[in-house]
Amino acid sequence: MTSSSSASLIPPARWTAHYEAGKDFRPLGDEERALLRRVAGAVGAGRALDVCCGTGELAAFLHGELGYETEAVDFAEGAVARARQRCGDAVAVRVCDVERERAGESGGYALVTVRRAAAFWADRARVVRELGALLREGGALVVLSPVPGRLSEPMRHIALDEDELRVLADGFEECERYDVDGLAALVLRRPGGSYSAAEMAREPVAQAMLGAGVVVTDPDGRLLLGRAVQGMWSLPGGKVDAGESVTEAAVRELAEETGLTATSTRLLALLHDDSRDLRRVTAAVRATAWHGTPHVTEPHLFTRWEWHERAQLATVGALFTPSAHVIEVAFPGTLPGLALPHVYPVA
């Protein structure tokens, strides 16, 4: 199979060229500095980690003005070289692609910062949860991001809208939101959060519906979920058309919604539940072999596709109910407390 797992939207070579050409990004603003001072005052001294550090301005501030023992990482060699020039030996700067590698020691940091970078991560919800796991008890993760309303249309791809900000906050029990220097600032504490099974709005339909939910995992065992425009996560899948088997429908829906081609599938179970006036039968289908790169093909239904660690799914926030049922059948114990409907396993 071919996977785009954690495929960054802009490759490191392009960022390296950007930095080697002497370019930078907007300097750290006074309101950002004031916010970071407040957060530092709340979490106390210790170690700090600046993720996607660029030329090292924020890392230098964390060390020089806030007094943290600071580390900084970036996936572009050009950024790391510039950051080392700026910070010298005072800050430990290294190359690290946080979408593919652990950025630091679990539970080791009082403060983790991400400035103007989260929008460039393909799997940003997963990565932010992984960064949260690096916090010590009482620590804080600060995410600073442009918002669409402050940018011209050609630049809005570097921003996170309100739904995307909520997605990042879903993995934490505490979230404070600020607007500083034209940026949205999330101060996230107590990683954990929870999931909830949610329903999508729908037009009236016949009394019964037959559908398929498709379980796709990448080579690292991560599960593919789409962020639906209705503000919840969902597996690929949909209704079974006339004349189709449930596995044929699963292959078709997967291709239509994500661009992936399933070359082998396995029917795991049939699930029967009642949603208001609707009798719903969902086939849990595992794509055991596939190829391609997931991307948004139906923007009226999904805003993006993302790979999620299975251990993080219990903190993912709103999850489409049939998708939650299929996930729990495929990976029992993943969603604690989820009440399953009638399940008919397929041998």
C-alpha atoms as a PDB file:
ATOM      1  CA  MET A   1       0.000   0.000   0.000  1.00  0.00           C
ATOM      2  CA  THR A   2       1.011   3.621  -0.465  1.00  0.00           C
ATOM      3  CA  SER A   3       0.477   6.065   2.369  1.00  0.00           C
ATOM      4  CA  SER A   4       0.710   9.817   2.704  1.00  0.00           C
ATOM      5  CA  SER A   5       0.921   9.396   6.449  1.00  0.00           C
ATOM      6  CA  SER A   6       2.023  12.700   7.934  1.00  0.00           C
ATOM      7  CA  ALA A   7       2.788  14.168   4.529  1.00  0.00           C
ATOM      8  CA  SER A   8       3.657  17.817   5.174  1.00  0.00           C
ATOM      9  CA  LEU A   9       1.994  20.281   2.865  1.00  0.00           C
ATOM     10  CA  ILE A  10       5.297  21.946   1.928  1.00  0.00           C
ATOM     11  CA  PRO A  11       8.444  19.790   1.768  1.00  0.00           C
ATOM     12  CA  PRO A  12      11.469  20.649   3.939  1.00  0.00           C
ATOM     13  CA  ALA A  13      13.660  21.456   0.915  1.00  0.00           C
ATOM     14  CA  ARG A  14      11.404  24.369   0.008  1.00  0.00           C
ATOM     15  CA  TRP A  15      11.530  25.731   3.544  1.00  0.00           C
ATOM     16  CA  THR A  16      15.310  25.322   3.578  1.00  0.00           C
ATOM     17  CA  ALA A  17      15.527  27.367   0.360  1.00  0.00           C
ATOM     18  CA  HIS A  18      13.304  30.010   1.978  1.00  0.00           C
ATOM     19  CA  TYR A  19      15.628  30.379   4.960  1.00  0.00           C
ATOM     20  CA  GLU A  20      18.845  30.132   2.972  1.00  0.00           C
ATOM     21  CA  ALA A  21      17.595  33.054   0.867  1.00  0.00           C
ATOM     22  CA  GLY A  22      17.586  35.163   4.048  1.00  0.00           C
ATOM     23  CA  LYS A  23      13.796  35.246   4.373  1.00  0.00           C
ATOM     24  CA  ASP A  24      11.899  35.075   7.649  1.00  0.00           C
ATOM     25  CA  PHE A  25       8.354  35.455   8.935  1.00  0.00           C
ATOM     26  CA  ARG A  26       6.564  38.106  10.954  1.00  0.00           C
ATOM     27  CA  PRO A  27       8.524  39.026  14.098  1.00  0.00           C
ATOM     28  CA  LEU A  28       7.232  38.029  17.509  1.00  0.00           C
ATOM     29  CA  GLY A  29       4.714  40.678  18.578  1.00  0.00           C
ATOM     30  CA  ASP A  30       4.411  42.511  21.892  1.00  0.00           C
ATOM     31  CA  GLU A  31       1.039  40.905  22.679  1.00  0.00           C
ATOM     32  CA  GLU A  32       2.481  37.438  21.969  1.00  0.00           C
ATOM     33  CA  ARG A  33       5.365  38.154  24.328  1.00  0.00           C
ATOM     34  CA  ALA A  34       2.973  39.346  27.029  1.00  0.00           C
ATOM     35  CA  LEU A  35       0.824  36.217  26.674  1.00  0.00           C
ATOM     36  CA  LEU A  36       3.855  33.939  26.920  1.00  0.00           C
ATOM     37  CA  ARG A  37       5.009  35.780  30.042  1.00  0.00           C
ATOM     38  CA  ARG A  38       1.578  35.151  31.626  1.00  0.00           C
ATOM     39  CA  VAL A  39       1.674  31.474  30.704  1.00  0.00           C
ATOM     40  CA  ALA A  40       5.236  31.130  32.002  1.00  0.00           C
ATOM     41  CA  GLY A  41       4.176  32.725  35.262  1.00  0.00           C
ATOM     42  CA  ALA A  42       1.411  30.133  35.596  1.00  0.00           C
ATOM     43  CA  VAL A  43       3.388  27.003  34.713  1.00  0.00           C
ATOM     44  CA  GLY A  44       6.670  27.919  36.382  1.00  0.00           C
ATOM     45  CA  ALA A  45      10.274  27.275  35.402  1.00  0.00           C
ATOM     46  CA  GLY A  46      11.748  24.228  33.716  1.00  0.00           C
ATOM     47  CA  ARG A  47      12.219  23.026  30.175  1.00  0.00           C
ATOM     48  CA  ALA A  48      10.594  24.534  27.088  1.00  0.00           C
ATOM     49  CA  LEU A  49      10.290  23.181  23.563  1.00  0.00           C
ATOM     50  CA  ASP A  50       9.698  25.414  20.533  1.00  0.00           C
ATOM     51  CA  VAL A  51       8.282  23.347  17.657  1.00  0.00           C
ATOM     52  CA  CYS A  52       8.829  24.474  14.055  1.00  0.00           C
ATOM     53  CA  CYS A  53      11.223  27.091  15.375  1.00  0.00           C
ATOM     54  CA  GLY A  54      12.116  28.807  12.083  1.00  0.00           C
ATOM     55  CA  THR A  55      14.997  31.207  12.646  1.00  0.00           C
ATOM     56  CA  GLY A  56      14.819  30.783  16.429  1.00  0.00           C
ATOM     57  CA  GLU A  57      13.324  34.095  17.537  1.00  0.00           C
ATOM     58  CA  LEU A  58      10.736  32.508  19.828  1.00  0.00           C
ATOM     59  CA  ALA A  59      13.222  29.962  21.190  1.00  0.00           C
ATOM     60  CA  ALA A  60      15.640  32.783  22.036  1.00  0.00           C
ATOM     61  CA  PHE A  61      12.826  34.617  23.837  1.00  0.00           C
ATOM     62  CA  LEU A  62      11.874  31.542  25.843  1.00  0.00           C
ATOM     63  CA  HIS A  63      15.474  31.147  27.000  1.00  0.00           C
ATOM     64  CA  GLY A  64      16.740  34.701  27.251  1.00  0.00           C
ATOM     65  CA  GLU A  65      13.690  36.491  28.667  1.00  0.00           C
ATOM     66  CA  LEU A  66      11.636  33.738  30.308  1.00  0.00           C
ATOM     67  CA  GLY A  67      14.573  31.742  31.640  1.00  0.00           C
ATOM     68  CA  TYR A  68      13.627  28.319  30.313  1.00  0.00           C
ATOM     69  CA  GLU A  69      16.083  25.569  29.516  1.00  0.00           C
ATOM     70  CA  THR A  70      15.057  25.623  25.889  1.00  0.00           C
ATOM     71  CA  GLU A  71      15.082  23.182  23.002  1.00  0.00           C
ATOM     72  CA  ALA A  72      13.968  23.977  19.465  1.00  0.00           C
ATOM     73  CA  VAL A  73      13.142  21.745  16.503  1.00  0.00           C
ATOM     74  CA  ASP A  74      12.357  22.247  12.837  1.00  0.00           C
ATOM     75  CA  PHE A  75      12.190  19.830   9.910  1.00  0.00           C
ATOM     76  CA  ALA A  76      14.095  22.174   7.539  1.00  0.00           C
ATOM     77  CA  GLU A  77      17.898  22.175   7.682  1.00  0.00           C
ATOM     78  CA  GLY A  78      17.901  25.820   6.647  1.00  0.00           C
ATOM     79  CA  ALA A  79      15.755  26.804   9.629  1.00  0.00           C
ATOM     80  CA  VAL A  80      17.950  24.886  12.070  1.00  0.00           C
ATOM     81  CA  ALA A  81      21.093  26.551  10.694  1.00  0.00           C
ATOM     82  CA  ARG A  82      19.563  30.029  11.080  1.00  0.00           C
ATOM     83  CA  ALA A  83      18.269  29.228  14.583  1.00  0.00           C
ATOM     84  CA  ARG A  84      21.711  28.034  15.681  1.00  0.00           C
ATOM     85  CA  GLN A  85      23.251  31.265  14.398  1.00  0.00           C
ATOM     86  CA  ARG A  86      20.742  33.291  16.404  1.00  0.00           C
ATOM     87  CA  CYS A  87      20.751  31.251  19.620  1.00  0.00           C
ATOM     88  CA  GLY A  88      24.302  29.947  19.768  1.00  0.00           C
ATOM     89  CA  ASP A  89      24.849  27.296  22.413  1.00  0.00           C
ATOM     90  CA  ALA A  90      22.147  28.692  24.691  1.00  0.00           C
ATOM     91  CA  VAL A  91      19.389  26.695  22.954  1.00  0.00           C
ATOM     92  CA  ALA A  92      19.617  23.071  21.812  1.00  0.00           C
ATOM     93  CA  VAL A  93      18.430  23.196  18.196  1.00  0.00           C
ATOM     94  CA  ARG A  94      17.969  20.068  16.116  1.00  0.00           C
ATOM     95  CA  VAL A  95      16.283  18.720  13.026  1.00  0.00           C
ATOM     96  CA  CYS A  96      13.031  16.905  13.790  1.00  0.00           C
ATOM     97  CA  ASP A  97       9.928  16.305  11.687  1.00  0.00           C
ATOM     98  CA  VAL A  98       7.229  16.273  14.346  1.00  0.00           C
ATOM     99  CA  GLU A  99       4.754  14.618  11.982  1.00  0.00           C
ATOM    100  CA  ARG A 100       7.005  11.567  11.803  1.00  0.00           C
ATOM    101  CA  GLU A 101       9.161  11.664  14.950  1.00  0.00           C
ATOM    102  CA  ARG A 102       8.716  12.216  18.648  1.00  0.00           C
ATOM    103  CA  ALA A 103       9.777  15.782  19.332  1.00  0.00           C
ATOM    104  CA  GLY A 104      10.995  15.294  22.882  1.00  0.00           C
ATOM    105  CA  GLU A 105      10.688  13.492  26.191  1.00  0.00           C
ATOM    106  CA  SER A 106       7.197  12.551  27.349  1.00  0.00           C
ATOM    107  CA  GLY A 107       6.219  14.539  30.421  1.00  0.00           C
ATOM    108  CA  GLY A 108       9.411  16.569  30.251  1.00  0.00           C
ATOM    109  CA  TYR A 109       8.341  20.125  29.421  1.00  0.00           C
ATOM    110  CA  ALA A 110       6.686  22.948  31.300  1.00  0.00           C
ATOM    111  CA  LEU A 111       5.979  24.788  28.054  1.00  0.00           C
ATOM    112  CA  VAL A 112       5.659  23.722  24.416  1.00  0.00           C
ATOM    113  CA  THR A 113       5.088  26.333  21.721  1.00  0.00           C
ATOM    114  CA  VAL A 114       3.937  26.127  18.107  1.00  0.00           C
ATOM    115  CA  ARG A 115       3.882  29.426  16.237  1.00  0.00           C
ATOM    116  CA  ARG A 116       2.337  29.863  12.753  1.00  0.00           C
ATOM    117  CA  ALA A 117       2.981  26.215  11.817  1.00  0.00           C
ATOM    118  CA  ALA A 118       0.003  23.987  12.680  1.00  0.00           C
ATOM    119  CA  ALA A 119      -1.882  24.785   9.465  1.00  0.00           C
ATOM    120  CA  PHE A 120       0.959  23.221   7.464  1.00  0.00           C
ATOM    121  CA  TRP A 121       0.597  19.817   9.154  1.00  0.00           C
ATOM    122  CA  ALA A 122      -1.509  17.275   7.298  1.00  0.00           C
ATOM    123  CA  ASP A 123      -2.299  15.370  10.535  1.00  0.00           C
ATOM    124  CA  ARG A 124      -2.456  18.355  12.854  1.00  0.00           C
ATOM    125  CA  ALA A 125      -4.965  16.946  15.346  1.00  0.00           C
ATOM    126  CA  ARG A 126      -2.760  13.901  15.948  1.00  0.00           C
ATOM    127  CA  VAL A 127       0.440  15.944  16.157  1.00  0.00           C
ATOM    128  CA  VAL A 128      -1.009  18.400  18.678  1.00  0.00           C
ATOM    129  CA  ARG A 129      -2.120  15.516  20.888  1.00  0.00           C
ATOM    130  CA  GLU A 130       1.374  14.025  20.677  1.00  0.00           C
ATOM    131  CA  LEU A 131       2.857  17.366  21.673  1.00  0.00           C
ATOM    132  CA  GLY A 132       0.450  17.472  24.598  1.00  0.00           C
ATOM    133  CA  ALA A 133       1.920  14.188  25.817  1.00  0.00           C
ATOM    134  CA  LEU A 134       5.280  15.959  26.193  1.00  0.00           C
ATOM    135  CA  LEU A 135       3.925  18.272  28.901  1.00  0.00           C
ATOM    136  CA  ARG A 136       4.707  17.704  32.553  1.00  0.00           C
ATOM    137  CA  GLU A 137       1.836  17.965  35.016  1.00  0.00           C
ATOM    138  CA  GLY A 138       0.654  21.584  35.041  1.00  0.00           C
ATOM    139  CA  GLY A 139       2.425  22.403  31.769  1.00  0.00           C
ATOM    140  CA  ALA A 140       0.937  24.245  28.810  1.00  0.00           C
ATOM    141  CA  LEU A 141       0.985  23.909  25.034  1.00  0.00           C
ATOM    142  CA  VAL A 142       0.651  27.268  23.264  1.00  0.00           C
ATOM    143  CA  VAL A 143      -0.498  27.215  19.630  1.00  0.00           C
ATOM    144  CA  LEU A 144      -0.407  30.521  17.743  1.00  0.00           C
ATOM    145  CA  SER A 145      -2.053  30.637  14.331  1.00  0.00           C
ATOM    146  CA  PRO A 146      -3.273  33.175  11.794  1.00  0.00           C
ATOM    147  CA  VAL A 147      -7.038  33.259  11.329  1.00  0.00           C
ATOM    148  CA  PRO A 148      -8.745  33.532   7.909  1.00  0.00           C
ATOM    149  CA  GLY A 149     -10.435  36.871   8.572  1.00  0.00           C
ATOM    150  CA  ARG A 150      -7.081  38.641   8.918  1.00  0.00           C
ATOM    151  CA  LEU A 151      -5.600  37.338   5.640  1.00  0.00           C
ATOM    152  CA  SER A 152      -6.179  37.908   1.948  1.00  0.00           C
ATOM    153  CA  GLU A 153      -7.690  35.020  -0.004  1.00  0.00           C
ATOM    154  CA  PRO A 154      -4.383  33.721  -1.467  1.00  0.00           C
ATOM    155  CA  MET A 155      -2.900  33.441   2.057  1.00  0.00           C
ATOM    156  CA  ARG A 156      -5.771  31.739   3.860  1.00  0.00           C
ATOM    157  CA  HIS A 157      -4.166  28.324   3.513  1.00  0.00           C
ATOM    158  CA  ILE A 158      -1.769  29.288   6.335  1.00  0.00           C
ATOM    159  CA  ALA A 159      -4.669  29.982   8.728  1.00  0.00           C
ATOM    160  CA  LEU A 160      -6.894  27.857  10.948  1.00  0.00           C
ATOM    161  CA  ASP A 161     -10.609  28.617  11.104  1.00  0.00           C
ATOM    162  CA  GLU A 162     -12.746  28.265  14.230  1.00  0.00           C
ATOM    163  CA  ASP A 163     -13.626  24.626  13.585  1.00  0.00           C
ATOM    164  CA  GLU A 164      -9.963  23.714  13.107  1.00  0.00           C
ATOM    165  CA  LEU A 165      -9.072  25.469  16.358  1.00  0.00           C
ATOM    166  CA  ARG A 166     -11.788  23.485  18.147  1.00  0.00           C
ATOM    167  CA  VAL A 167     -10.315  20.287  16.698  1.00  0.00           C
ATOM    168  CA  LEU A 168      -6.941  21.086  18.286  1.00  0.00           C
ATOM    169  CA  ALA A 169      -8.538  21.879  21.631  1.00  0.00           C
ATOM    170  CA  ASP A 170     -10.569  18.648  21.695  1.00  0.00           C
ATOM    171  CA  GLY A 171      -7.585  16.677  22.979  1.00  0.00           C
ATOM    172  CA  PHE A 172      -7.241  18.739  26.173  1.00  0.00           C
ATOM    173  CA  GLU A 173      -9.340  19.198  29.273  1.00  0.00           C
ATOM    174  CA  GLU A 174      -8.503  22.905  29.532  1.00  0.00           C
ATOM    175  CA  CYS A 175      -8.325  25.460  26.730  1.00  0.00           C
ATOM    176  CA  GLU A 176      -7.967  29.226  26.918  1.00  0.00           C
ATOM    177  CA  ARG A 177      -8.437  31.224  23.711  1.00  0.00           C
ATOM    178  CA  TYR A 178      -6.911  34.652  23.088  1.00  0.00           C
ATOM    179  CA  ASP A 179      -6.511  37.003  20.141  1.00  0.00           C
ATOM    180  CA  VAL A 180      -3.014  38.487  20.131  1.00  0.00           C
ATOM    181  CA  ASP A 181      -1.304  40.527  17.417  1.00  0.00           C
ATOM    182  CA  GLY A 182      -3.877  39.336  14.880  1.00  0.00           C
ATOM    183  CA  LEU A 183      -3.316  35.671  15.734  1.00  0.00           C
ATOM    184  CA  ALA A 184      -5.507  33.130  17.488  1.00  0.00           C
ATOM    185  CA  ALA A 185      -3.716  31.810  20.557  1.00  0.00           C
ATOM    186  CA  LEU A 186      -4.719  28.556  22.242  1.00  0.00           C
ATOM    187  CA  VAL A 187      -3.293  27.762  25.668  1.00  0.00           C
ATOM    188  CA  LEU A 188      -3.909  24.038  26.123  1.00  0.00           C
ATOM    189  CA  ARG A 189      -3.503  22.194  29.422  1.00  0.00           C
ATOM    190  CA  ARG A 190      -4.234  18.749  30.823  1.00  0.00           C
ATOM    191  CA  PRO A 191      -4.069  16.547  27.732  1.00  0.00           C
ATOM    192  CA  GLY A 192      -6.837  14.007  27.648  1.00  0.00           C
ATOM    193  CA  GLY A 193     -10.250  15.230  26.614  1.00  0.00           C
ATOM    194  CA  SER A 194     -12.923  12.778  25.533  1.00  0.00           C
ATOM    195  CA  TYR A 195     -14.911  11.551  22.577  1.00  0.00           C
ATOM    196  CA  SER A 196     -18.646  11.651  21.956  1.00  0.00           C
ATOM    197  CA  ALA A 197     -20.802   9.862  19.386  1.00  0.00           C
ATOM    198  CA  ALA A 198     -22.640  12.418  17.271  1.00  0.00           C
ATOM    199  CA  GLU A 199     -25.224  12.449  14.491  1.00  0.00           C
ATOM    200  CA  MET A 200     -25.150  14.393  11.247  1.00  0.00           C
ATOM    201  CA  ALA A 201     -28.098  16.436  10.030  1.00  0.00           C
ATOM    202  CA  ARG A 202     -29.944  14.693   7.236  1.00  0.00           C
ATOM    203  CA  GLU A 203     -32.871  14.988   4.920  1.00  0.00           C
ATOM    204  CA  PRO A 204     -35.844  12.675   5.491  1.00  0.00           C
ATOM    205  CA  VAL A 205     -35.115   9.195   4.179  1.00  0.00           C
ATOM    206  CA  ALA A 206     -36.820   5.844   3.986  1.00  0.00           C
ATOM    207  CA  GLN A 207     -37.309   3.956   7.236  1.00  0.00           C
ATOM    208  CA  ALA A 208     -34.225   1.770   6.750  1.00  0.00           C
ATOM    209  CA  MET A 209     -30.739   2.514   5.440  1.00  0.00           C
ATOM    210  CA  LEU A 210     -27.894   0.191   4.507  1.00  0.00           C
ATOM    211  CA  GLY A 211     -24.395   1.651   4.549  1.00  0.00           C
ATOM    212  CA  ALA A 212     -20.729   0.801   4.900  1.00  0.00           C
ATOM    213  CA  GLY A 213     -17.999   2.244   7.115  1.00  0.00           C
ATOM    214  CA  VAL A 214     -14.459   1.651   5.923  1.00  0.00           C
ATOM    215  CA  VAL A 215     -11.513   1.039   8.254  1.00  0.00           C
ATOM    216  CA  VAL A 216      -8.227   2.092   6.622  1.00  0.00           C
ATOM    217  CA  THR A 217      -4.920   2.063   8.486  1.00  0.00           C
ATOM    218  CA  ASP A 218      -1.522   3.257   7.318  1.00  0.00           C
ATOM    219  CA  PRO A 219       1.730   1.258   7.715  1.00  0.00           C
ATOM    220  CA  ASP A 220       2.103   2.664  11.246  1.00  0.00           C
ATOM    221  CA  GLY A 221      -1.361   1.447  12.256  1.00  0.00           C
ATOM    222  CA  ARG A 222      -2.941   4.919  12.230  1.00  0.00           C
ATOM    223  CA  LEU A 223      -6.619   5.177  11.317  1.00  0.00           C
ATOM    224  CA  LEU A 224      -7.918   7.417   8.525  1.00  0.00           C
ATOM    225  CA  LEU A 225     -10.686   9.840   9.561  1.00  0.00           C
ATOM    226  CA  GLY A 226     -12.274  12.721   7.707  1.00  0.00           C
ATOM    227  CA  ARG A 227     -13.286  16.026   9.266  1.00  0.00           C
ATOM    228  CA  ALA A 228     -16.904  16.432   8.159  1.00  0.00           C
ATOM    229  CA  VAL A 229     -18.275  19.886   7.369  1.00  0.00           C
ATOM    230  CA  GLN A 230     -20.822  19.258  10.133  1.00  0.00           C
ATOM    231  CA  GLY A 231     -18.034  19.421  12.710  1.00  0.00           C
ATOM    232  CA  MET A 232     -17.265  15.801  13.551  1.00  0.00           C
ATOM    233  CA  TRP A 233     -14.865  13.051  12.535  1.00  0.00           C
ATOM    234  CA  SER A 234     -16.013  10.189  10.320  1.00  0.00           C
ATOM    235  CA  LEU A 235     -14.687   7.069   8.636  1.00  0.00           C
ATOM    236  CA  PRO A 236     -14.941   6.917   4.850  1.00  0.00           C
ATOM    237  CA  GLY A 237     -18.204   5.298   3.815  1.00  0.00           C
ATOM    238  CA  GLY A 238     -21.789   5.854   2.856  1.00  0.00           C
ATOM    239  CA  LYS A 239     -24.975   4.302   1.524  1.00  0.00           C
ATOM    240  CA  VAL A 240     -25.024   1.095  -0.489  1.00  0.00           C
ATOM    241  CA  ASP A 241     -26.373   1.688  -3.978  1.00  0.00           C
ATOM    242  CA  ALA A 242     -28.802  -0.612  -5.743  1.00  0.00           C
ATOM    243  CA  GLY A 243     -27.094  -3.697  -7.075  1.00  0.00           C
ATOM    244  CA  GLU A 244     -23.984  -3.310  -4.891  1.00  0.00           C
ATOM    245  CA  SER A 245     -22.626  -5.561  -2.208  1.00  0.00           C
ATOM    246  CA  VAL A 246     -21.534  -3.858   0.992  1.00  0.00           C
ATOM    247  CA  THR A 247     -17.856  -4.442   0.158  1.00  0.00           C
ATOM    248  CA  GLU A 248     -18.349  -2.994  -3.339  1.00  0.00           C
ATOM    249  CA  ALA A 249     -19.984   0.042  -1.775  1.00  0.00           C
ATOM    250  CA  ALA A 250     -17.067   0.372   0.644  1.00  0.00           C
ATOM    251  CA  VAL A 251     -14.547   0.358  -2.219  1.00  0.00           C
ATOM    252  CA  ARG A 252     -16.589   2.886  -4.203  1.00  0.00           C
ATOM    253  CA  GLU A 253     -17.181   5.255  -1.271  1.00  0.00           C
ATOM    254  CA  LEU A 254     -13.512   5.108  -0.280  1.00  0.00           C
ATOM    255  CA  ALA A 255     -12.478   6.103  -3.798  1.00  0.00           C
ATOM    256  CA  GLU A 256     -15.134   8.807  -4.096  1.00  0.00           C
ATOM    257  CA  GLU A 257     -14.406  10.424  -0.734  1.00  0.00           C
ATOM    258  CA  THR A 258     -10.637  10.034  -0.374  1.00  0.00           C
ATOM    259  CA  GLY A 259      -9.146   9.081  -3.761  1.00  0.00           C
ATOM    260  CA  LEU A 260      -7.809   5.812  -2.302  1.00  0.00           C
ATOM    261  CA  THR A 261      -8.198   2.529  -4.172  1.00  0.00           C
ATOM    262  CA  ALA A 262      -8.879  -0.548  -2.060  1.00  0.00           C
ATOM    263  CA  THR A 263      -7.577  -3.721  -3.699  1.00  0.00           C
ATOM    264  CA  SER A 264      -8.611  -6.099  -0.911  1.00  0.00           C
ATOM    265  CA  THR A 265     -11.355  -5.856   1.721  1.00  0.00           C
ATOM    266  CA  ARG A 266     -12.771  -7.907   4.561  1.00  0.00           C
ATOM    267  CA  LEU A 267     -16.262  -7.694   6.007  1.00  0.00           C
ATOM    268  CA  LEU A 268     -15.937  -7.645   9.802  1.00  0.00           C
ATOM    269  CA  ALA A 269     -19.534  -7.380  11.000  1.00  0.00           C
ATOM    270  CA  LEU A 270     -22.988  -5.943  10.422  1.00  0.00           C
ATOM    271  CA  LEU A 271     -24.297  -3.431  12.962  1.00  0.00           C
ATOM    272  CA  HIS A 272     -27.969  -2.568  13.430  1.00  0.00           C
ATOM    273  CA  ASP A 273     -28.952   0.530  15.370  1.00  0.00           C
ATOM    274  CA  ASP A 274     -31.890   2.901  15.530  1.00  0.00           C
ATOM    275  CA  SER A 275     -31.324   6.612  14.941  1.00  0.00           C
ATOM    276  CA  ARG A 276     -34.505   8.496  15.720  1.00  0.00           C
ATOM    277  CA  ASP A 277     -36.997   7.165  13.118  1.00  0.00           C
ATOM    278  CA  LEU A 278     -34.282   5.443  11.055  1.00  0.00           C
ATOM    279  CA  ARG A 279     -33.383   1.759  11.143  1.00  0.00           C
ATOM    280  CA  ARG A 280     -29.695   1.779  10.227  1.00  0.00           C
ATOM    281  CA  VAL A 281     -27.579  -1.219   9.188  1.00  0.00           C
ATOM    282  CA  THR A 282     -23.858  -0.509   8.817  1.00  0.00           C
ATOM    283  CA  ALA A 283     -21.338  -2.924   7.386  1.00  0.00           C
ATOM    284  CA  ALA A 284     -17.936  -2.690   9.081  1.00  0.00           C
ATOM    285  CA  VAL A 285     -15.437  -3.201   6.249  1.00  0.00           C
ATOM    286  CA  ARG A 286     -11.658  -3.337   6.603  1.00  0.00           C
ATOM    287  CA  ALA A 287      -9.539  -2.257   3.611  1.00  0.00           C
ATOM    288  CA  THR A 288      -6.739  -4.809   3.969  1.00  0.00           C
ATOM    289  CA  ALA A 289      -4.794  -3.520   0.946  1.00  0.00           C
ATOM    290  CA  TRP A 290      -4.976  -0.133  -0.731  1.00  0.00           C
ATOM    291  CA  HIS A 291      -2.942   2.426  -2.594  1.00  0.00           C
ATOM    292  CA  GLY A 292      -3.022   6.149  -3.231  1.00  0.00           C
ATOM    293  CA  THR A 293      -2.841   9.364  -1.230  1.00  0.00           C
ATOM    294  CA  PRO A 294      -5.915  10.525   0.708  1.00  0.00           C
ATOM    295  CA  HIS A 295      -7.188  13.951  -0.291  1.00  0.00           C
ATOM    296  CA  VAL A 296     -10.436  15.888  -0.243  1.00  0.00           C
ATOM    297  CA  THR A 297     -12.489  15.013  -3.312  1.00  0.00           C
ATOM    298  CA  GLU A 298     -15.888  16.100  -1.961  1.00  0.00           C
ATOM    299  CA  PRO A 299     -15.377  19.450  -0.221  1.00  0.00           C
ATOM    300  CA  HIS A 300     -19.120  19.774   0.385  1.00  0.00           C
ATOM    301  CA  LEU A 301     -18.794  16.782   2.766  1.00  0.00           C
ATOM    302  CA  PHE A 302     -15.257  16.893   4.223  1.00  0.00           C
ATOM    303  CA  THR A 303     -12.672  19.570   4.935  1.00  0.00           C
ATOM    304  CA  ARG A 304      -9.707  17.171   5.155  1.00  0.00           C
ATOM    305  CA  TRP A 305      -8.526  13.623   5.826  1.00  0.00           C
ATOM    306  CA  GLU A 306      -6.117  12.855   8.630  1.00  0.00           C
ATOM    307  CA  TRP A 307      -4.349   9.826  10.105  1.00  0.00           C
ATOM    308  CA  HIS A 308      -5.032   9.289  13.812  1.00  0.00           C
ATOM    309  CA  GLU A 309      -3.236   7.182  16.384  1.00  0.00           C
ATOM    310  CA  ARG A 310      -5.718   4.645  17.722  1.00  0.00           C
ATOM    311  CA  ALA A 311      -4.673   5.429  21.288  1.00  0.00           C
ATOM    312  CA  GLN A 312      -5.820   9.037  20.733  1.00  0.00           C
ATOM    313  CA  LEU A 313      -9.327   8.220  19.504  1.00  0.00           C
ATOM    314  CA  ALA A 314     -10.839   8.287  22.991  1.00  0.00           C
ATOM    315  CA  THR A 315     -10.005  12.024  23.097  1.00  0.00           C
ATOM    316  CA  VAL A 316     -10.915  12.932  19.527  1.00  0.00           C
ATOM    317  CA  GLY A 317     -14.112  14.868  20.286  1.00  0.00           C
ATOM    318  CA  ALA A 318     -17.262  14.421  18.203  1.00  0.00           C
ATOM    319  CA  LEU A 319     -17.249  11.177  16.212  1.00  0.00           C
ATOM    320  CA  PHE A 320     -20.062  10.148  13.837  1.00  0.00           C
ATOM    321  CA  THR A 321     -21.993   7.436  15.670  1.00  0.00           C
ATOM    322  CA  PRO A 322     -21.856   4.667  13.014  1.00  0.00           C
ATOM    323  CA  SER A 323     -18.127   5.350  12.583  1.00  0.00           C
ATOM    324  CA  ALA A 324     -17.641   5.031  16.343  1.00  0.00           C
ATOM    325  CA  HIS A 325     -19.458   1.689  16.269  1.00  0.00           C
ATOM    326  CA  VAL A 326     -17.330   0.391  13.379  1.00  0.00           C
ATOM    327  CA  ILE A 327     -14.096   1.491  15.075  1.00  0.00           C
ATOM    328  CA  GLU A 328     -15.034  -0.279  18.288  1.00  0.00           C
ATOM    329  CA  VAL A 329     -15.861  -3.469  16.386  1.00  0.00           C
ATOM    330  CA  ALA A 330     -12.567  -3.315  14.473  1.00  0.00           C
ATOM    331  CA  PHE A 331     -10.492  -2.408  17.542  1.00  0.00           C
ATOM    332  CA  PRO A 332     -12.332  -3.462  20.722  1.00  0.00           C
ATOM    333  CA  GLY A 333     -11.679  -1.262  23.748  1.00  0.00           C
ATOM    334  CA  THR A 334     -10.630   1.773  21.714  1.00  0.00           C
ATOM    335  CA  LEU A 335     -13.657   3.868  22.765  1.00  0.00           C
ATOM    336  CA  PRO A 336     -14.304   3.151  26.464  1.00  0.00           C
ATOM    337  CA  GLY A 337     -17.941   3.278  27.532  1.00  0.00           C
ATOM    338  CA  LEU A 338     -19.361   3.203  24.003  1.00  0.00           C
ATOM    339  CA  ALA A 339     -22.623   1.251  23.897  1.00  0.00           C
ATOM    340  CA  LEU A 340     -22.679  -0.883  20.779  1.00  0.00           C
ATOM    341  CA  PRO A 341     -25.888  -1.624  18.885  1.00  0.00           C
ATOM    342  CA  HIS A 342     -26.789  -5.118  17.688  1.00  0.00           C
ATOM    343  CA  VAL A 343     -23.584  -6.600  16.255  1.00  0.00           C
ATOM    344  CA  TYR A 344     -23.560  -9.571  13.903  1.00  0.00           C
ATOM    345  CA  PRO A 345     -19.958 -10.744  13.413  1.00  0.00           C
ATOM    346  CA  VAL A 346     -19.017 -12.228  10.071  1.00  0.00           C
ATOM    347  CA  ALA A 347     -16.825 -15.310  10.289  1.00  0.00           C
END
